[in-house]
């Protein structure tokens, strides 16, 4: 069973890239993993990155954005400054 901490550790160890790849690496369904990642996003430990490599700005059109709906979602660890 994959724990929330396992997901964060994958990011800390640099093993996380796309949702699909991380799902495969951890052996957990993508839908469940997405929920776990969103927990860490809300906590400010992980953030979504757009295909351009910039941090995805959560504008009002995020769910309708042509970039975020066609490109696999990617995440990165938020590093403390």
PDB file of N, CA and C in Angstrom:
ATOM      1  N   UNK A   1       0.838  -1.175   0.000  1.00  0.00           N
ATOM      2  CA  UNK A   1       0.000   0.000   0.000  1.00  0.00           C
ATOM      3  C   UNK A   1       0.889   1.247   0.000  1.00  0.00           C
ATOM      4  N   UNK A   2       0.603   2.168  -0.870  1.00  0.00           N
ATOM      5  CA  UNK A   2       1.363   3.406  -0.995  1.00  0.00           C
ATOM      6  C   UNK A   2       0.800   4.430  -0.013  1.00  0.00           C
ATOM      7  N   UNK A   3       1.702   5.046   0.740  1.00  0.00           N
ATOM      8  CA  UNK A   3       1.305   6.069   1.708  1.00  0.00           C
ATOM      9  C   UNK A   3       1.554   7.458   1.117  1.00  0.00           C
ATOM     10  N   UNK A   4       0.916   8.457   1.680  1.00  0.00           N
ATOM     11  CA  UNK A   4       1.144   9.838   1.252  1.00  0.00           C
ATOM     12  C   UNK A   4       2.627  10.192   1.332  1.00  0.00           C
ATOM     13  N   UNK A   5       3.268   9.757   2.380  1.00  0.00           N
ATOM     14  CA  UNK A   5       4.693  10.052   2.564  1.00  0.00           C
ATOM     15  C   UNK A   5       5.536   9.442   1.450  1.00  0.00           C
ATOM     16  N   UNK A   6       5.141   8.267   0.937  1.00  0.00           N
ATOM     17  CA  UNK A   6       5.856   7.624  -0.168  1.00  0.00           C
ATOM     18  C   UNK A   6       5.848   8.515  -1.416  1.00  0.00           C
ATOM     19  N   UNK A   7       4.729   9.163  -1.643  1.00  0.00           N
ATOM     20  CA  UNK A   7       4.604  10.044  -2.802  1.00  0.00           C
ATOM     21  C   UNK A   7       5.552  11.234  -2.658  1.00  0.00           C
ATOM     22  N   UNK A   8       5.549  11.854  -1.484  1.00  0.00           N
ATOM     23  CA  UNK A   8       6.433  12.994  -1.264  1.00  0.00           C
ATOM     24  C   UNK A   8       7.900  12.572  -1.358  1.00  0.00           C
ATOM     25  N   UNK A   9       8.232  11.419  -0.826  1.00  0.00           N
ATOM     26  CA  UNK A   9       9.608  10.925  -0.885  1.00  0.00           C
ATOM     27  C   UNK A   9      10.057  10.690  -2.328  1.00  0.00           C
ATOM     28  N   UNK A  10       9.158  10.251  -3.191  1.00  0.00           N
ATOM     29  CA  UNK A  10       9.501  10.061  -4.602  1.00  0.00           C
ATOM     30  C   UNK A  10       9.911  11.393  -5.220  1.00  0.00           C
ATOM     31  N   UNK A  11       9.227  12.467  -4.849  1.00  0.00           N
ATOM     32  CA  UNK A  11       9.598  13.796  -5.342  1.00  0.00           C
ATOM     33  C   UNK A  11      10.920  14.255  -4.723  1.00  0.00           C
ATOM     34  N   UNK A  12      11.101  14.004  -3.454  1.00  0.00           N
ATOM     35  CA  UNK A  12      12.337  14.407  -2.778  1.00  0.00           C
ATOM     36  C   UNK A  12      13.561  13.696  -3.348  1.00  0.00           C
ATOM     37  N   UNK A  13      13.379  12.474  -3.810  1.00  0.00           N
ATOM     38  CA  UNK A  13      14.474  11.686  -4.369  1.00  0.00           C
ATOM     39  C   UNK A  13      14.644  11.899  -5.871  1.00  0.00           C
ATOM     40  N   UNK A  14      13.824  12.769  -6.440  1.00  0.00           N
ATOM     41  CA  UNK A  14      13.927  13.059  -7.864  1.00  0.00           C
ATOM     42  C   UNK A  14      13.375  11.970  -8.760  1.00  0.00           C
ATOM     43  N   UNK A  15      12.543  11.099  -8.218  1.00  0.00           N
ATOM     44  CA  UNK A  15      11.986   9.985  -8.996  1.00  0.00           C
ATOM     45  C   UNK A  15      10.671  10.344  -9.681  1.00  0.00           C
ATOM     46  N   UNK A  16      10.161  11.511  -9.419  1.00  0.00           N
ATOM     47  CA  UNK A  16       8.858  11.886  -9.943  1.00  0.00           C
ATOM     48  C   UNK A  16       8.998  12.735 -11.206  1.00  0.00           C
ATOM     49  N   UNK A  17       8.243  12.384 -12.214  1.00  0.00           N
ATOM     50  CA  UNK A  17       8.187  13.187 -13.427  1.00  0.00           C
ATOM     51  C   UNK A  17       6.728  13.448 -13.753  1.00  0.00           C
ATOM     52  N   UNK A  18       6.140  12.586 -14.541  1.00  0.00           N
ATOM     53  CA  UNK A  18       4.736  12.746 -14.890  1.00  0.00           C
ATOM     54  C   UNK A  18       3.865  11.880 -13.976  1.00  0.00           C
ATOM     55  N   UNK A  19       2.599  12.183 -13.974  1.00  0.00           N
ATOM     56  CA  UNK A  19       1.647  11.404 -13.182  1.00  0.00           C
ATOM     57  C   UNK A  19       1.656   9.940 -13.630  1.00  0.00           C
ATOM     58  N   UNK A  20       1.680   9.718 -14.938  1.00  0.00           N
ATOM     59  CA  UNK A  20       1.660   8.352 -15.464  1.00  0.00           C
ATOM     60  C   UNK A  20       2.909   7.570 -15.050  1.00  0.00           C
ATOM     61  N   UNK A  21       4.073   8.206 -15.137  1.00  0.00           N
ATOM     62  CA  UNK A  21       5.313   7.524 -14.799  1.00  0.00           C
ATOM     63  C   UNK A  21       5.380   7.220 -13.302  1.00  0.00           C
ATOM     64  N   UNK A  22       4.997   8.167 -12.487  1.00  0.00           N
ATOM     65  CA  UNK A  22       5.019   7.963 -11.043  1.00  0.00           C
ATOM     66  C   UNK A  22       4.013   6.880 -10.634  1.00  0.00           C
ATOM     67  N   UNK A  23       2.868   6.872 -11.296  1.00  0.00           N
ATOM     68  CA  UNK A  23       1.863   5.840 -11.037  1.00  0.00           C
ATOM     69  C   UNK A  23       2.445   4.457 -11.299  1.00  0.00           C
ATOM     70  N   UNK A  24       3.154   4.340 -12.389  1.00  0.00           N
ATOM     71  CA  UNK A  24       3.791   3.067 -12.747  1.00  0.00           C
ATOM     72  C   UNK A  24       4.874   2.706 -11.732  1.00  0.00           C
ATOM     73  N   UNK A  25       5.712   3.673 -11.369  1.00  0.00           N
ATOM     74  CA  UNK A  25       6.814   3.429 -10.431  1.00  0.00           C
ATOM     75  C   UNK A  25       6.325   3.000  -9.049  1.00  0.00           C
ATOM     76  N   UNK A  26       5.240   3.607  -8.582  1.00  0.00           N
ATOM     77  CA  UNK A  26       4.737   3.311  -7.242  1.00  0.00           C
ATOM     78  C   UNK A  26       3.727   2.164  -7.234  1.00  0.00           C
ATOM     79  N   UNK A  27       3.244   1.785  -8.403  1.00  0.00           N
ATOM     80  CA  UNK A  27       2.262   0.697  -8.477  1.00  0.00           C
ATOM     81  C   UNK A  27       0.912   1.078  -7.921  1.00  0.00           C
ATOM     82  N   UNK A  28       0.490   2.290  -8.207  1.00  0.00           N
ATOM     83  CA  UNK A  28      -0.807   2.770  -7.728  1.00  0.00           C
ATOM     84  C   UNK A  28      -1.557   3.378  -8.909  1.00  0.00           C
ATOM     85  N   UNK A  29      -2.884   3.242  -8.917  1.00  0.00           N
ATOM     86  CA  UNK A  29      -3.692   3.792 -10.000  1.00  0.00           C
ATOM     87  C   UNK A  29      -3.526   5.299 -10.078  1.00  0.00           C
ATOM     88  N   UNK A  30      -3.519   5.825 -11.297  1.00  0.00           N
ATOM     89  CA  UNK A  30      -3.303   7.251 -11.521  1.00  0.00           C
ATOM     90  C   UNK A  30      -4.343   8.121 -10.816  1.00  0.00           C
ATOM     91  N   UNK A  31      -5.584   7.665 -10.771  1.00  0.00           N
ATOM     92  CA  UNK A  31      -6.653   8.441 -10.124  1.00  0.00           C
ATOM     93  C   UNK A  31      -6.365   8.596  -8.632  1.00  0.00           C
ATOM     94  N   UNK A  32      -5.930   7.512  -8.014  1.00  0.00           N
ATOM     95  CA  UNK A  32      -5.613   7.548  -6.577  1.00  0.00           C
ATOM     96  C   UNK A  32      -4.365   8.398  -6.349  1.00  0.00           C
ATOM     97  N   UNK A  33      -3.362   8.220  -7.199  1.00  0.00           N
ATOM     98  CA  UNK A  33      -2.134   8.986  -7.074  1.00  0.00           C
ATOM     99  C   UNK A  33      -2.395  10.478  -7.244  1.00  0.00           C
ATOM    100  N   UNK A  34      -3.257  10.830  -8.178  1.00  0.00           N
ATOM    101  CA  UNK A  34      -3.580  12.240  -8.391  1.00  0.00           C
ATOM    102  C   UNK A  34      -4.162  12.856  -7.121  1.00  0.00           C
ATOM    103  N   UNK A  35      -5.019  12.129  -6.441  1.00  0.00           N
ATOM    104  CA  UNK A  35      -5.594  12.616  -5.178  1.00  0.00           C
ATOM    105  C   UNK A  35      -4.499  12.815  -4.133  1.00  0.00           C
ATOM    106  N   UNK A  36      -3.553  11.887  -4.087  1.00  0.00           N
ATOM    107  CA  UNK A  36      -2.452  11.989  -3.131  1.00  0.00           C
ATOM    108  C   UNK A  36      -1.548  13.182  -3.461  1.00  0.00           C
ATOM    109  N   UNK A  37      -1.276  13.381  -4.736  1.00  0.00           N
ATOM    110  CA  UNK A  37      -0.453  14.518  -5.153  1.00  0.00           C
ATOM    111  C   UNK A  37      -1.159  15.833  -4.825  1.00  0.00           C
ATOM    112  N   UNK A  38      -2.457  15.881  -5.068  1.00  0.00           N
ATOM    113  CA  UNK A  38      -3.205  17.111  -4.781  1.00  0.00           C
ATOM    114  C   UNK A  38      -3.174  17.455  -3.295  1.00  0.00           C
ATOM    115  N   UNK A  39      -3.098  16.452  -2.434  1.00  0.00           N
ATOM    116  CA  UNK A  39      -2.923  16.696  -0.999  1.00  0.00           C
ATOM    117  C   UNK A  39      -1.636  17.494  -0.777  1.00  0.00           C
ATOM    118  N   UNK A  40      -0.527  17.041  -1.388  1.00  0.00           N
ATOM    119  CA  UNK A  40       0.762  17.723  -1.215  1.00  0.00           C
ATOM    120  C   UNK A  40       0.791  19.077  -1.911  1.00  0.00           C
ATOM    121  N   UNK A  41       0.033  19.218  -3.000  1.00  0.00           N
ATOM    122  CA  UNK A  41      -0.076  20.526  -3.660  1.00  0.00           C
ATOM    123  C   UNK A  41      -0.741  21.514  -2.699  1.00  0.00           C
ATOM    124  N   UNK A  42      -1.834  21.087  -2.049  1.00  0.00           N
ATOM    125  CA  UNK A  42      -2.532  21.963  -1.089  1.00  0.00           C
ATOM    126  C   UNK A  42      -1.638  22.320   0.089  1.00  0.00           C
ATOM    127  N   UNK A  43      -0.755  21.411   0.479  1.00  0.00           N
ATOM    128  CA  UNK A  43       0.160  21.658   1.594  1.00  0.00           C
ATOM    129  C   UNK A  43       1.360  22.513   1.176  1.00  0.00           C
ATOM    130  N   UNK A  44       1.502  22.769  -0.130  1.00  0.00           N
ATOM    131  CA  UNK A  44       2.595  23.603  -0.620  1.00  0.00           C
ATOM    132  C   UNK A  44       3.920  22.867  -0.769  1.00  0.00           C
ATOM    133  N   UNK A  45       3.894  21.539  -0.781  1.00  0.00           N
ATOM    134  CA  UNK A  45       5.124  20.747  -0.901  1.00  0.00           C
ATOM    135  C   UNK A  45       5.446  20.380  -2.353  1.00  0.00           C
ATOM    136  N   UNK A  46       4.410  20.316  -3.189  1.00  0.00           N
ATOM    137  CA  UNK A  46       4.542  19.964  -4.602  1.00  0.00           C
ATOM    138  C   UNK A  46       3.751  21.001  -5.391  1.00  0.00           C
ATOM    139  N   UNK A  47       4.222  21.300  -6.610  1.00  0.00           N
ATOM    140  CA  UNK A  47       3.458  22.203  -7.471  1.00  0.00           C
ATOM    141  C   UNK A  47       3.408  21.644  -8.886  1.00  0.00           C
ATOM    142  N   UNK A  48       2.336  22.013  -9.580  1.00  0.00           N
ATOM    143  CA  UNK A  48       2.192  21.603 -10.969  1.00  0.00           C
ATOM    144  C   UNK A  48       3.050  22.509 -11.841  1.00  0.00           C
ATOM    145  N   UNK A  49       3.652  21.929 -12.866  1.00  0.00           N
ATOM    146  CA  UNK A  49       4.488  22.674 -13.796  1.00  0.00           C
ATOM    147  C   UNK A  49       3.885  22.527 -15.179  1.00  0.00           C
ATOM    148  N   UNK A  50       3.726  23.648 -15.871  1.00  0.00           N
ATOM    149  CA  UNK A  50       3.189  23.605 -17.232  1.00  0.00           C
ATOM    150  C   UNK A  50       4.235  23.081 -18.202  1.00  0.00           C
ATOM    151  N   UNK A  51       3.807  22.755 -19.383  1.00  0.00           N
ATOM    152  CA  UNK A  51       4.704  22.189 -20.391  1.00  0.00           C
ATOM    153  C   UNK A  51       5.855  23.123 -20.734  1.00  0.00           C
ATOM    154  N   UNK A  52       5.672  24.406 -20.536  1.00  0.00           N
ATOM    155  CA  UNK A  52       6.731  25.364 -20.842  1.00  0.00           C
ATOM    156  C   UNK A  52       7.808  25.363 -19.767  1.00  0.00           C
ATOM    157  N   UNK A  53       7.563  24.624 -18.672  1.00  0.00           N
ATOM    158  CA  UNK A  53       8.518  24.585 -17.572  1.00  0.00           C
ATOM    159  C   UNK A  53       8.240  25.643 -16.524  1.00  0.00           C
ATOM    160  N   UNK A  54       7.269  26.473 -16.764  1.00  0.00           N
ATOM    161  CA  UNK A  54       6.896  27.510 -15.801  1.00  0.00           C
ATOM    162  C   UNK A  54       5.856  26.937 -14.849  1.00  0.00           C
ATOM    163  N   UNK A  55       5.739  27.542 -13.711  1.00  0.00           N
ATOM    164  CA  UNK A  55       4.739  27.095 -12.751  1.00  0.00           C
ATOM    165  C   UNK A  55       3.365  27.409 -13.310  1.00  0.00           C
ATOM    166  N   UNK A  56       2.505  26.436 -13.243  1.00  0.00           N
ATOM    167  CA  UNK A  56       1.171  26.591 -13.807  1.00  0.00           C
ATOM    168  C   UNK A  56       0.377  27.593 -12.969  1.00  0.00           C
ATOM    169  N   UNK A  57      -0.004  28.654 -13.596  1.00  0.00           N
ATOM    170  CA  UNK A  57      -0.811  29.667 -12.915  1.00  0.00           C
ATOM    171  C   UNK A  57      -2.253  29.198 -12.899  1.00  0.00           C
ATOM    172  N   UNK A  58      -2.842  29.188 -11.756  1.00  0.00           N
ATOM    173  CA  UNK A  58      -4.220  28.710 -11.597  1.00  0.00           C
ATOM    174  C   UNK A  58      -5.201  29.833 -11.949  1.00  0.00           C
ATOM    175  N   UNK A  59      -5.308  30.098 -13.240  1.00  0.00           N
ATOM    176  CA  UNK A  59      -6.253  31.124 -13.675  1.00  0.00           C
ATOM    177  C   UNK A  59      -7.661  30.534 -13.675  1.00  0.00           C
ATOM    178  N   UNK A  60      -8.629  31.315 -13.947  1.00  0.00           N
ATOM    179  CA  UNK A  60     -10.007  30.848 -13.972  1.00  0.00           C
ATOM    180  C   UNK A  60     -10.291  29.844 -15.075  1.00  0.00           C
ATOM    181  N   UNK A  61      -9.415  29.754 -16.068  1.00  0.00           N
ATOM    182  CA  UNK A  61      -9.640  28.856 -17.204  1.00  0.00           C
ATOM    183  C   UNK A  61      -8.787  27.604 -17.146  1.00  0.00           C
ATOM    184  N   UNK A  62      -8.229  27.285 -15.991  1.00  0.00           N
ATOM    185  CA  UNK A  62      -7.301  26.152 -15.893  1.00  0.00           C
ATOM    186  C   UNK A  62      -7.890  24.867 -16.464  1.00  0.00           C
ATOM    187  N   UNK A  63      -9.124  24.549 -16.148  1.00  0.00           N
ATOM    188  CA  UNK A  63      -9.711  23.296 -16.621  1.00  0.00           C
ATOM    189  C   UNK A  63      -9.995  23.329 -18.119  1.00  0.00           C
ATOM    190  N   UNK A  64     -10.047  24.518 -18.705  1.00  0.00           N
ATOM    191  CA  UNK A  64     -10.322  24.649 -20.133  1.00  0.00           C
ATOM    192  C   UNK A  64      -9.065  25.018 -20.926  1.00  0.00           C
ATOM    193  N   UNK A  65      -7.942  25.091 -20.270  1.00  0.00           N
ATOM    194  CA  UNK A  65      -6.694  25.501 -20.914  1.00  0.00           C
ATOM    195  C   UNK A  65      -6.259  24.457 -21.930  1.00  0.00           C
ATOM    196  N   UNK A  66      -5.966  24.884 -23.144  1.00  0.00           N
ATOM    197  CA  UNK A  66      -5.570  23.938 -24.191  1.00  0.00           C
ATOM    198  C   UNK A  66      -4.224  23.291 -23.879  1.00  0.00           C
ATOM    199  N   UNK A  67      -3.376  23.961 -23.140  1.00  0.00           N
ATOM    200  CA  UNK A  67      -2.068  23.397 -22.788  1.00  0.00           C
ATOM    201  C   UNK A  67      -2.236  22.308 -21.738  1.00  0.00           C
ATOM    202  N   UNK A  68      -2.945  22.592 -20.677  1.00  0.00           N
ATOM    203  CA  UNK A  68      -3.047  21.621 -19.582  1.00  0.00           C
ATOM    204  C   UNK A  68      -3.956  20.446 -19.901  1.00  0.00           C
ATOM    205  N   UNK A  69      -4.837  20.575 -20.878  1.00  0.00           N
ATOM    206  CA  UNK A  69      -5.714  19.456 -21.200  1.00  0.00           C
ATOM    207  C   UNK A  69      -5.108  18.523 -22.243  1.00  0.00           C
ATOM    208  N   UNK A  70      -4.078  18.956 -22.976  1.00  0.00           N
ATOM    209  CA  UNK A  70      -3.493  18.113 -24.012  1.00  0.00           C
ATOM    210  C   UNK A  70      -2.125  17.560 -23.632  1.00  0.00           C
ATOM    211  N   UNK A  71      -1.453  18.175 -22.719  1.00  0.00           N
ATOM    212  CA  UNK A  71      -0.114  17.750 -22.311  1.00  0.00           C
ATOM    213  C   UNK A  71      -0.224  17.036 -20.969  1.00  0.00           C
ATOM    214  N   UNK A  72       0.464  15.906 -20.796  1.00  0.00           N
ATOM    215  CA  UNK A  72       0.411  15.227 -19.494  1.00  0.00           C
ATOM    216  C   UNK A  72       0.849  16.167 -18.369  1.00  0.00           C
ATOM    217  N   UNK A  73       0.146  16.092 -17.264  1.00  0.00           N
ATOM    218  CA  UNK A  73       0.464  16.953 -16.132  1.00  0.00           C
ATOM    219  C   UNK A  73       1.778  16.524 -15.510  1.00  0.00           C
ATOM    220  N   UNK A  74       2.564  17.521 -15.114  1.00  0.00           N
ATOM    221  CA  UNK A  74       3.864  17.276 -14.494  1.00  0.00           C
ATOM    222  C   UNK A  74       3.929  18.068 -13.190  1.00  0.00           C
ATOM    223  N   UNK A  75       4.680  17.536 -12.262  1.00  0.00           N
ATOM    224  CA  UNK A  75       4.796  18.153 -10.947  1.00  0.00           C
ATOM    225  C   UNK A  75       6.265  18.221 -10.544  1.00  0.00           C
ATOM    226  N   UNK A  76       6.538  19.094  -9.579  1.00  0.00           N
ATOM    227  CA  UNK A  76       7.887  19.178  -9.029  1.00  0.00           C
ATOM    228  C   UNK A  76       7.800  19.482  -7.545  1.00  0.00           C
ATOM    229  N   UNK A  77       8.871  19.153  -6.859  1.00  0.00           N
ATOM    230  CA  UNK A  77       8.985  19.422  -5.431  1.00  0.00           C
ATOM    231  C   UNK A  77       9.203  20.915  -5.237  1.00  0.00           C
ATOM    232  N   UNK A  78       8.553  21.503  -4.258  1.00  0.00           N
ATOM    233  CA  UNK A  78       8.786  22.891  -3.905  1.00  0.00           C
ATOM    234  C   UNK A  78       9.980  22.920  -2.976  1.00  0.00           C
ATOM    235  N   UNK A  79      11.031  23.543  -3.402  1.00  0.00           N
ATOM    236  CA  UNK A  79      12.262  23.621  -2.603  1.00  0.00           C
ATOM    237  C   UNK A  79      12.192  24.824  -1.672  1.00  0.00           C
ATOM    238  N   UNK A  80      12.601  24.623  -0.444  1.00  0.00           N
ATOM    239  CA  UNK A  80      12.664  25.740   0.504  1.00  0.00           C
ATOM    240  C   UNK A  80      13.791  26.659   0.101  1.00  0.00           C
ATOM    241  N   UNK A  81      13.527  27.949   0.137  1.00  0.00           N
ATOM    242  CA  UNK A  81      14.556  28.923  -0.241  1.00  0.00           C
ATOM    243  C   UNK A  81      15.437  29.264   0.912  1.00  0.00           C
TER     244      UNK A  81
END
